[in-house]
Amino acid sequence: MATINTNYNLLSAGYLFPEIARRCNVWQEHNKNQTLLRLGIGNTTEALPPYLVEAMKKKLDLLANRETYSGYGDEQGDTALRKALKDMYQREYGVSLEMTDFFVSDGAKSDAANLQSLFGQDNIVAVADPAYPVYVDSNVVGGRSHGFIESKGGYSDFVYLPCTAQTGFLPSPPSTHVDLIYLCSPNNPTGAVMNKQQLKAFVDYAIKEKAVIIFDSAYCQYISEEGIPHSIFEIEGAKKCSIEINSFSKNAGFTGVRLGWSIVPKELVVSNSKEGQINAMWNRRQCTFFNGASNIAQAGGIAALSPEGQKECDVLVQYYMDNARMIREGLESVGLKCFGGINSPYIWARTPNNMTSWEFFDYLLDVCHVVVTPGSGFGPSGEHYIRVSSYGHKENVMQAIASIKEHMK
């Protein structure tokens, strides 16, 4: 008799973003003539950069010709793309990596979920709190928690690293032993960034405990301040204890095109592995369970890493950062305490009058017709905050802020 993976039953009710969609659909049913202004989900809205589009069109033309058609590519990713990534890390970040350290995928989110399969079920997981839900949910499904504890607002067996206003919304290394540490900088949802000293503290901890840091740098192209690392491999010793994931989604607008990468250095070791083994395991996983990212998308990725493509992607990033500035200034003008929006497309705002995250979500939906993301959906430390996304058409962002200003005078 077949049985289900009962770990799915341990997930708390409703994934955050489908629940937001459900509430919005209910509201829309009762307000058919009203327009919702969406500043919730981090989904890009602007047209793809032209240079990238042209590269993908050329690839399509090659696929349309029998003489130049190509089918499956390397599961690890197109050689030219992996070389371009390797060169970019050396050129932009001063980080020397091997092409065989890079694995191209359909996005950072799936990598964040799939990487946990490399590690034992009894590994103790630490997450910055608040955190992007996939870090937590994938490990619940992987059997590393006994379920959600309502009184805690989080899962049993996980170590939560509080990121509050008092800590600058940045985590500190655990005070106890853990095995897997999920970090994201610039952080989703808070927009906070970690400097080299703060990341070095985590690297030193991971080396000492033979732990692994899974570092999500999907928003690194939004960093505007000097001296903030774009990659954890800018930190000495990180190759011995870290995996990095990244994406073309937010800098090149590839949220629907789907393209990302992971870096698994051969130097990475844990207590029962030898050098190169984890890299080989991830290679085996990708070759067995994955046929490689779309060759059309990879053509766009190669273009995005070229000088011409980078210029156009920078324009796209600046567009969203201009939105972020408008949102932050608008929310502050009605008395909300705001964080982020400087090195990140997200603004993390304190709810007024001690309202819960969902109470303020409902208020903004009902009164202002604006959709945001409740902070409590990212973890217990997210309560009494909302995340506001700068991903939207500028005219819609302006309309949303105008509505908030009008109704929250």
Protein backbone atom coordinates (compact mmCIF):
# COMPACT_ATOMS: atom_id res chain seq x y z
CA MET A 1 0.00 0.00 0.00
CA ALA A 2 1.36 3.40 -0.99
CA THR A 3 1.57 6.06 1.69
CA ILE A 4 2.16 9.80 1.63
CA ASN A 5 5.10 11.71 3.00
CA THR A 6 3.39 12.73 6.23
CA ASN A 7 5.89 15.55 6.76
CA TYR A 8 3.66 17.62 4.45
CA ASN A 9 1.00 17.41 7.17
CA LEU A 10 3.38 19.23 9.52
CA LEU A 11 3.41 22.40 7.42
CA SER A 12 1.44 25.25 8.96
CA ALA A 13 -1.86 25.99 7.24
CA GLY A 14 -1.53 27.78 3.93
CA TYR A 15 1.61 28.95 2.17
CA LEU A 16 1.92 32.71 2.62
CA PHE A 17 1.47 33.89 -0.96
CA PRO A 18 -1.52 31.66 -1.88
CA GLU A 19 -3.23 32.91 1.29
CA ILE A 20 -2.65 36.49 0.18
CA ALA A 21 -4.11 35.60 -3.23
CA ARG A 22 -7.13 33.96 -1.59
CA ARG A 23 -7.91 37.04 0.50
CA CYS A 24 -7.47 39.30 -2.52
CA ASN A 25 -9.83 37.13 -4.59
CA VAL A 26 -12.48 37.26 -1.87
CA TRP A 27 -12.13 41.03 -1.64
CA GLN A 28 -12.34 41.40 -5.42
CA GLU A 29 -15.53 39.35 -5.54
CA HIS A 30 -17.17 41.90 -3.22
CA ASN A 31 -15.57 44.90 -4.93
CA LYS A 32 -15.85 44.11 -8.63
CA ASN A 33 -15.48 47.71 -9.78
CA GLN A 34 -12.38 48.46 -7.68
CA THR A 35 -8.77 48.06 -8.77
CA LEU A 36 -6.25 46.42 -6.47
CA LEU A 37 -2.83 48.07 -6.28
CA ARG A 38 -0.36 45.26 -5.71
CA LEU A 39 2.83 45.88 -3.73
CA GLY A 40 2.97 42.38 -2.29
CA ILE A 41 4.69 39.55 -4.12
CA GLY A 42 8.20 40.22 -5.43
CA ASN A 43 7.33 39.66 -9.07
CA THR A 44 9.01 41.86 -11.67
CA THR A 45 6.71 43.86 -13.93
CA GLU A 46 8.82 45.67 -16.53
CA ALA A 47 9.77 44.46 -20.02
CA LEU A 48 12.89 42.34 -20.42
CA PRO A 49 16.05 44.23 -21.41
CA PRO A 50 16.21 44.39 -25.23
CA TYR A 51 19.72 42.97 -25.54
CA LEU A 52 18.65 39.86 -23.63
CA VAL A 53 15.49 39.49 -25.72
CA GLU A 54 17.50 39.65 -28.93
CA ALA A 55 19.86 36.93 -27.68
CA MET A 56 16.94 34.64 -26.87
CA LYS A 57 15.33 35.33 -30.25
CA LYS A 58 18.57 34.35 -31.97
CA LYS A 59 18.60 31.13 -29.98
CA LEU A 60 15.01 30.45 -31.06
CA ASP A 61 16.01 30.99 -34.68
CA LEU A 62 18.75 28.40 -34.28
CA LEU A 63 16.26 25.95 -32.81
CA ALA A 64 13.92 26.58 -35.76
CA ASN A 65 16.55 25.31 -38.20
CA ARG A 66 17.29 21.60 -38.48
CA GLU A 67 20.97 22.27 -39.13
CA THR A 68 21.44 24.34 -35.96
CA TYR A 69 18.87 22.71 -33.69
CA SER A 70 20.10 21.50 -30.28
CA GLY A 71 18.32 19.39 -27.69
CA TYR A 72 19.49 18.50 -24.20
CA GLY A 73 22.44 20.49 -22.93
CA ASP A 74 24.74 19.80 -20.00
CA GLU A 75 22.76 19.32 -16.79
CA GLN A 76 25.31 21.53 -15.02
CA GLY A 77 24.60 24.37 -17.45
CA ASP A 78 25.85 25.71 -20.77
CA THR A 79 29.65 25.93 -20.80
CA ALA A 80 29.60 29.54 -22.02
CA LEU A 81 27.22 30.57 -19.25
CA ARG A 82 29.23 28.90 -16.50
CA LYS A 83 32.40 30.52 -17.84
CA ALA A 84 30.65 33.90 -17.90
CA LEU A 85 29.55 33.41 -14.29
CA LYS A 86 33.05 32.36 -13.24
CA ASP A 87 34.53 35.41 -14.97
CA MET A 88 31.93 37.72 -13.40
CA TYR A 89 32.76 36.52 -9.88
CA GLN A 90 36.46 37.13 -10.51
CA ARG A 91 35.94 40.50 -12.16
CA GLU A 92 33.24 41.97 -9.94
CA TYR A 93 33.90 40.36 -6.56
CA GLY A 94 37.54 39.28 -6.70
CA VAL A 95 36.45 35.67 -6.08
CA SER A 96 38.28 32.81 -7.79
CA LEU A 97 36.08 29.77 -8.47
CA GLU A 98 36.18 26.80 -10.83
CA MET A 99 33.65 26.31 -13.63
CA THR A 100 32.82 22.94 -12.07
CA ASP A 101 31.71 24.77 -8.90
CA PHE A 102 28.79 26.33 -10.84
CA PHE A 103 25.47 24.62 -11.52
CA VAL A 104 22.84 26.40 -13.62
CA SER A 105 19.22 25.87 -12.62
CA ASP A 106 15.72 27.20 -13.19
CA GLY A 107 16.02 29.57 -10.21
CA ALA A 108 17.30 30.12 -6.69
CA LYS A 109 14.03 29.09 -5.05
CA SER A 110 14.17 25.52 -6.33
CA ASP A 111 17.87 25.30 -5.44
CA ALA A 112 17.11 26.52 -1.91
CA ALA A 113 14.62 23.68 -1.54
CA ASN A 114 16.58 20.95 -3.30
CA LEU A 115 19.93 21.53 -1.58
CA GLN A 116 18.58 20.24 1.74
CA SER A 117 18.46 16.74 0.20
CA LEU A 118 22.27 16.63 0.34
CA PHE A 119 22.28 16.57 4.14
CA GLY A 120 21.20 14.11 6.81
CA GLN A 121 17.69 14.19 8.19
CA ASP A 122 19.01 14.65 11.71
CA ASN A 123 20.81 17.91 10.84
CA ILE A 124 19.79 20.87 12.98
CA VAL A 125 18.59 23.83 10.92
CA ALA A 126 19.04 27.51 11.78
CA VAL A 127 17.23 30.27 9.92
CA ALA A 128 17.36 34.02 10.20
CA ASP A 129 13.97 35.12 11.51
CA PRO A 130 12.13 36.49 9.57
CA ALA A 131 13.09 34.33 6.58
CA TYR A 132 11.89 33.47 3.11
CA PRO A 133 9.44 30.56 3.63
CA VAL A 134 11.13 28.05 1.30
CA TYR A 135 14.12 27.71 3.65
CA VAL A 136 11.84 26.53 6.42
CA ASP A 137 9.18 24.59 4.53
CA SER A 138 11.64 22.50 2.49
CA ASN A 139 13.31 21.32 5.70
CA VAL A 140 9.98 20.49 7.31
CA VAL A 141 9.15 18.32 4.30
CA GLY A 142 12.68 16.88 4.58
CA GLY A 143 11.84 15.60 8.07
CA ARG A 144 13.85 17.99 10.23
CA SER A 145 10.96 19.26 12.35
CA HIS A 146 8.17 17.65 14.35
CA GLY A 147 5.69 20.37 13.45
CA PHE A 148 4.51 23.91 13.96
CA ILE A 149 4.18 25.24 17.51
CA GLU A 150 1.47 27.90 17.69
CA SER A 151 2.71 29.41 20.96
CA LYS A 152 6.20 29.77 19.45
CA GLY A 153 4.99 30.97 16.07
CA GLY A 154 7.56 28.66 14.50
CA TYR A 155 8.61 25.06 14.00
CA SER A 156 9.99 22.68 16.57
CA ASP A 157 13.62 21.59 16.27
CA PHE A 158 14.64 24.69 14.25
CA VAL A 159 16.90 27.34 15.69
CA TYR A 160 15.54 30.81 14.93
CA LEU A 161 18.05 33.67 14.79
CA PRO A 162 16.01 36.77 15.69
CA CYS A 163 16.38 39.76 13.36
CA THR A 164 14.68 42.66 15.11
CA ALA A 165 14.96 46.44 15.17
CA GLN A 166 17.35 46.02 18.11
CA THR A 167 19.71 43.88 15.98
CA GLY A 168 19.37 46.04 12.86
CA PHE A 169 17.33 43.14 11.42
CA LEU A 170 20.53 41.13 11.16
CA PRO A 171 21.19 37.71 12.72
CA SER A 172 24.07 36.66 14.95
CA PRO A 173 25.66 33.20 14.85
CA PRO A 174 23.86 30.59 16.96
CA SER A 175 24.81 30.21 20.60
CA THR A 176 24.33 26.43 20.31
CA HIS A 177 25.38 23.83 17.75
CA VAL A 178 23.54 23.73 14.42
CA ASP A 179 24.37 22.01 11.14
CA LEU A 180 22.66 24.03 8.38
CA ILE A 181 22.38 27.84 8.39
CA TYR A 182 20.25 29.75 5.89
CA LEU A 183 21.30 33.36 5.31
CA CYS A 184 20.00 35.89 2.80
CA SER A 185 21.71 39.24 2.11
CA PRO A 186 20.25 41.59 1.03
CA ASN A 187 17.57 40.03 3.13
CA ASN A 188 14.14 39.07 1.92
CA PRO A 189 11.93 40.34 3.55
CA THR A 190 13.65 43.02 5.68
CA GLY A 191 16.05 44.53 3.13
CA ALA A 192 18.93 44.48 5.65
CA VAL A 193 22.47 43.68 4.45
CA MET A 194 25.39 41.99 6.22
CA ASN A 195 28.87 43.48 6.15
CA LYS A 196 32.09 41.49 5.92
CA GLN A 197 32.64 41.33 9.67
CA GLN A 198 29.14 39.99 10.27
CA LEU A 199 29.49 37.35 7.57
CA LYS A 200 32.96 36.42 8.82
CA ALA A 201 31.46 35.63 12.22
CA PHE A 202 29.14 33.09 10.56
CA VAL A 203 31.94 31.59 8.48
CA ASP A 204 34.12 31.18 11.58
CA TYR A 205 31.20 29.55 13.41
CA ALA A 206 30.48 27.18 10.50
CA ILE A 207 34.10 26.09 10.21
CA LYS A 208 34.29 25.47 13.95
CA GLU A 209 31.05 23.45 14.05
CA LYS A 210 31.50 21.82 10.62
CA ALA A 211 28.20 23.41 9.66
CA VAL A 212 27.12 24.53 6.18
CA ILE A 213 25.89 28.02 5.29
CA ILE A 214 23.38 28.18 2.44
CA PHE A 215 23.71 31.77 1.31
CA ASP A 216 21.02 33.36 -0.85
CA SER A 217 22.39 36.37 -2.74
CA ALA A 218 19.53 36.76 -5.23
CA TYR A 219 19.25 40.50 -4.53
CA CYS A 220 22.96 41.36 -4.52
CA GLN A 221 22.68 43.54 -7.63
CA TYR A 222 20.55 45.96 -5.58
CA ILE A 223 23.39 46.76 -3.17
CA SER A 224 24.31 50.44 -3.43
CA GLU A 225 26.48 50.95 -0.33
CA GLU A 226 30.23 50.48 -0.52
CA GLY A 227 31.90 47.60 1.29
CA ILE A 228 28.89 45.26 1.40
CA PRO A 229 29.71 41.75 0.10
CA HIS A 230 27.81 40.55 -2.96
CA SER A 231 28.96 36.96 -2.43
CA ILE A 232 29.78 35.00 0.70
CA PHE A 233 32.90 33.80 -1.09
CA GLU A 234 34.35 37.26 -0.60
CA ILE A 235 34.86 36.09 2.99
CA GLU A 236 38.05 34.17 3.76
CA GLY A 237 37.34 30.52 4.51
CA ALA A 238 33.81 30.52 3.05
CA LYS A 239 34.61 27.90 0.40
CA LYS A 240 35.15 25.39 3.21
CA CYS A 241 31.67 25.83 4.65
CA SER A 242 29.29 27.54 2.21
CA ILE A 243 26.98 27.05 -0.73
CA GLU A 244 25.69 30.08 -2.61
CA ILE A 245 22.50 30.43 -4.66
CA ASN A 246 21.63 33.28 -6.99
CA SER A 247 19.25 34.15 -9.78
CA PHE A 248 18.62 36.23 -12.89
CA SER A 249 15.04 36.83 -11.73
CA LYS A 250 15.35 40.17 -10.02
CA ASN A 251 18.17 41.92 -11.89
CA ALA A 252 17.30 40.72 -15.43
CA GLY A 253 13.53 40.35 -14.96
CA PHE A 254 13.65 36.57 -15.39
CA THR A 255 10.94 35.72 -12.83
CA GLY A 256 8.96 34.02 -15.62
CA VAL A 257 11.89 33.09 -17.86
CA ARG A 258 13.42 31.08 -14.96
CA LEU A 259 17.20 30.94 -14.62
CA GLY A 260 19.55 30.80 -11.64
CA TRP A 261 22.65 29.09 -10.35
CA SER A 262 24.23 27.49 -7.32
CA ILE A 263 27.89 27.34 -6.32
CA VAL A 264 29.12 24.24 -4.49
CA PRO A 265 32.90 24.53 -3.98
CA LYS A 266 34.93 21.35 -3.94
CA GLU A 267 36.58 22.59 -0.73
CA LEU A 268 33.25 22.26 1.11
CA VAL A 269 33.34 19.48 3.70
CA VAL A 270 31.21 18.34 6.64
CA SER A 271 31.92 15.91 9.46
CA ASN A 272 31.43 12.73 7.40
CA SER A 273 32.49 13.88 3.93
CA LYS A 274 35.74 14.33 2.10
CA GLU A 275 36.81 17.20 -0.12
CA GLY A 276 34.86 17.27 -3.38
CA GLN A 277 32.19 14.82 -2.22
CA ILE A 278 29.38 17.34 -1.71
CA ASN A 279 30.11 18.91 -5.09
CA ALA A 280 29.94 15.42 -6.64
CA MET A 281 26.68 14.65 -4.83
CA TRP A 282 25.06 17.84 -6.14
CA ASN A 283 26.34 17.01 -9.61
CA ARG A 284 24.77 13.54 -9.32
CA ARG A 285 21.52 15.04 -8.08
CA GLN A 286 21.32 17.49 -10.99
CA CYS A 287 22.25 14.87 -13.59
CA THR A 288 19.70 12.40 -12.23
CA PHE A 289 16.75 14.64 -11.37
CA PHE A 290 17.19 17.58 -13.75
CA ASN A 291 17.65 17.93 -17.52
CA GLY A 292 19.14 21.39 -17.33
CA ALA A 293 17.72 24.89 -17.62
CA SER A 294 16.08 26.01 -20.85
CA ASN A 295 18.70 26.63 -23.51
CA ILE A 296 16.71 29.71 -24.57
CA ALA A 297 16.85 31.14 -21.05
CA GLN A 298 20.57 30.37 -20.83
CA ALA A 299 21.18 32.37 -24.00
CA GLY A 300 19.53 35.28 -22.22
CA GLY A 301 21.70 34.68 -19.16
CA ILE A 302 24.88 34.82 -21.23
CA ALA A 303 23.67 38.11 -22.70
CA ALA A 304 22.84 39.46 -19.22
CA LEU A 305 26.46 38.93 -18.14
CA SER A 306 27.90 40.77 -21.14
CA PRO A 307 28.82 44.48 -20.83
CA GLU A 308 25.81 45.50 -22.95
CA GLY A 309 23.45 43.27 -21.00
CA GLN A 310 24.74 44.41 -17.63
CA LYS A 311 24.10 48.05 -18.57
CA GLU A 312 20.49 47.28 -19.46
CA CYS A 313 19.98 45.18 -16.32
CA ASP A 314 21.36 48.05 -14.22
CA VAL A 315 18.69 50.33 -15.71
CA LEU A 316 16.02 47.80 -14.72
CA VAL A 317 17.36 47.55 -11.17
CA GLN A 318 17.44 51.35 -10.85
CA TYR A 319 13.81 51.54 -11.98
CA TYR A 320 12.73 49.34 -9.07
CA MET A 321 15.00 51.16 -6.64
CA ASP A 322 13.38 54.45 -7.64
CA ASN A 323 10.06 52.81 -6.77
CA ALA A 324 11.51 51.69 -3.43
CA ARG A 325 12.55 55.25 -2.61
CA MET A 326 9.04 56.54 -3.39
CA ILE A 327 7.45 53.84 -1.26
CA ARG A 328 9.72 54.43 1.71
CA GLU A 329 9.28 58.20 1.60
CA GLY A 330 5.52 57.82 1.22
CA LEU A 331 5.14 55.43 4.14
CA GLU A 332 7.35 57.55 6.35
CA SER A 333 5.23 60.60 5.51
CA VAL A 334 2.21 58.96 7.20
CA GLY A 335 4.25 58.08 10.28
CA LEU A 336 5.28 54.50 9.59
CA LYS A 337 8.72 53.40 10.74
CA CYS A 338 10.50 51.95 7.70
CA PHE A 339 13.60 49.88 7.06
CA GLY A 340 15.18 48.53 3.87
CA GLY A 341 14.67 50.06 0.45
CA ILE A 342 18.33 51.20 0.32
CA ASN A 343 20.14 48.04 -0.80
CA SER A 344 17.01 46.07 -1.54
CA PRO A 345 13.74 46.37 -3.47
CA TYR A 346 11.79 45.67 -0.26
CA ILE A 347 10.64 48.06 2.44
CA TRP A 348 10.05 46.58 5.89
CA ALA A 349 7.53 48.75 7.76
CA ARG A 350 6.27 48.63 11.34
CA THR A 351 2.50 48.39 11.65
CA PRO A 352 0.75 51.33 13.35
CA ASN A 353 -1.01 51.16 16.73
CA ASN A 354 0.46 47.72 17.47
CA MET A 355 -1.75 46.11 14.83
CA THR A 356 -0.86 42.56 13.85
CA SER A 357 0.59 42.00 10.40
CA TRP A 358 -2.64 40.49 9.06
CA GLU A 359 -4.78 43.20 10.65
CA PHE A 360 -2.77 45.89 8.87
CA PHE A 361 -2.81 43.83 5.67
CA ASP A 362 -6.61 43.74 5.82
CA TYR A 363 -6.78 47.47 6.60
CA LEU A 364 -4.63 48.40 3.61
CA LEU A 365 -6.64 46.03 1.41
CA ASP A 366 -10.08 47.21 2.55
CA VAL A 367 -9.43 50.92 2.97
CA CYS A 368 -6.56 51.75 0.60
CA HIS A 369 -7.03 48.91 -1.92
CA VAL A 370 -3.30 48.19 -1.61
CA VAL A 371 -1.84 44.68 -1.28
CA VAL A 372 1.30 44.13 0.82
CA THR A 373 2.81 41.06 2.51
CA PRO A 374 2.22 40.38 6.23
CA GLY A 375 5.53 40.08 8.03
CA SER A 376 4.33 37.27 10.30
CA GLY A 377 4.29 35.01 7.25
CA PHE A 378 8.09 35.11 7.28
CA GLY A 379 8.49 33.94 10.87
CA PRO A 380 7.72 34.91 14.49
CA SER A 381 9.97 38.00 14.44
CA GLY A 382 8.01 39.31 11.46
CA GLU A 383 4.91 40.03 13.51
CA HIS A 384 3.88 43.71 13.60
CA TYR A 385 5.63 44.35 10.29
CA ILE A 386 4.70 44.32 6.62
CA ARG A 387 6.86 43.87 3.56
CA VAL A 388 6.20 46.28 0.71
CA SER A 389 7.57 45.36 -2.71
CA SER A 390 8.86 47.92 -5.19
CA TYR A 391 8.12 45.57 -8.08
CA GLY A 392 5.37 47.35 -9.97
CA HIS A 393 4.71 49.84 -12.71
CA LYS A 394 5.80 53.26 -11.48
CA GLU A 395 2.36 54.75 -12.11
CA ASN A 396 0.73 52.02 -9.99
CA VAL A 397 3.25 52.53 -7.19
CA MET A 398 2.50 56.26 -7.21
CA GLN A 399 -1.23 55.55 -7.12
CA ALA A 400 -0.82 53.10 -4.21
CA ILE A 401 1.23 55.56 -2.15
CA ALA A 402 -1.25 58.33 -2.92
CA SER A 403 -4.09 56.13 -1.65
CA ILE A 404 -2.20 55.31 1.56
CA LYS A 405 -1.44 59.00 2.13
CA GLU A 406 -5.10 59.90 1.58
CA HIS A 407 -6.52 57.35 3.98
CA MET A 408 -3.80 57.41 6.67
CA LYS A 409 -3.58 61.19 7.23
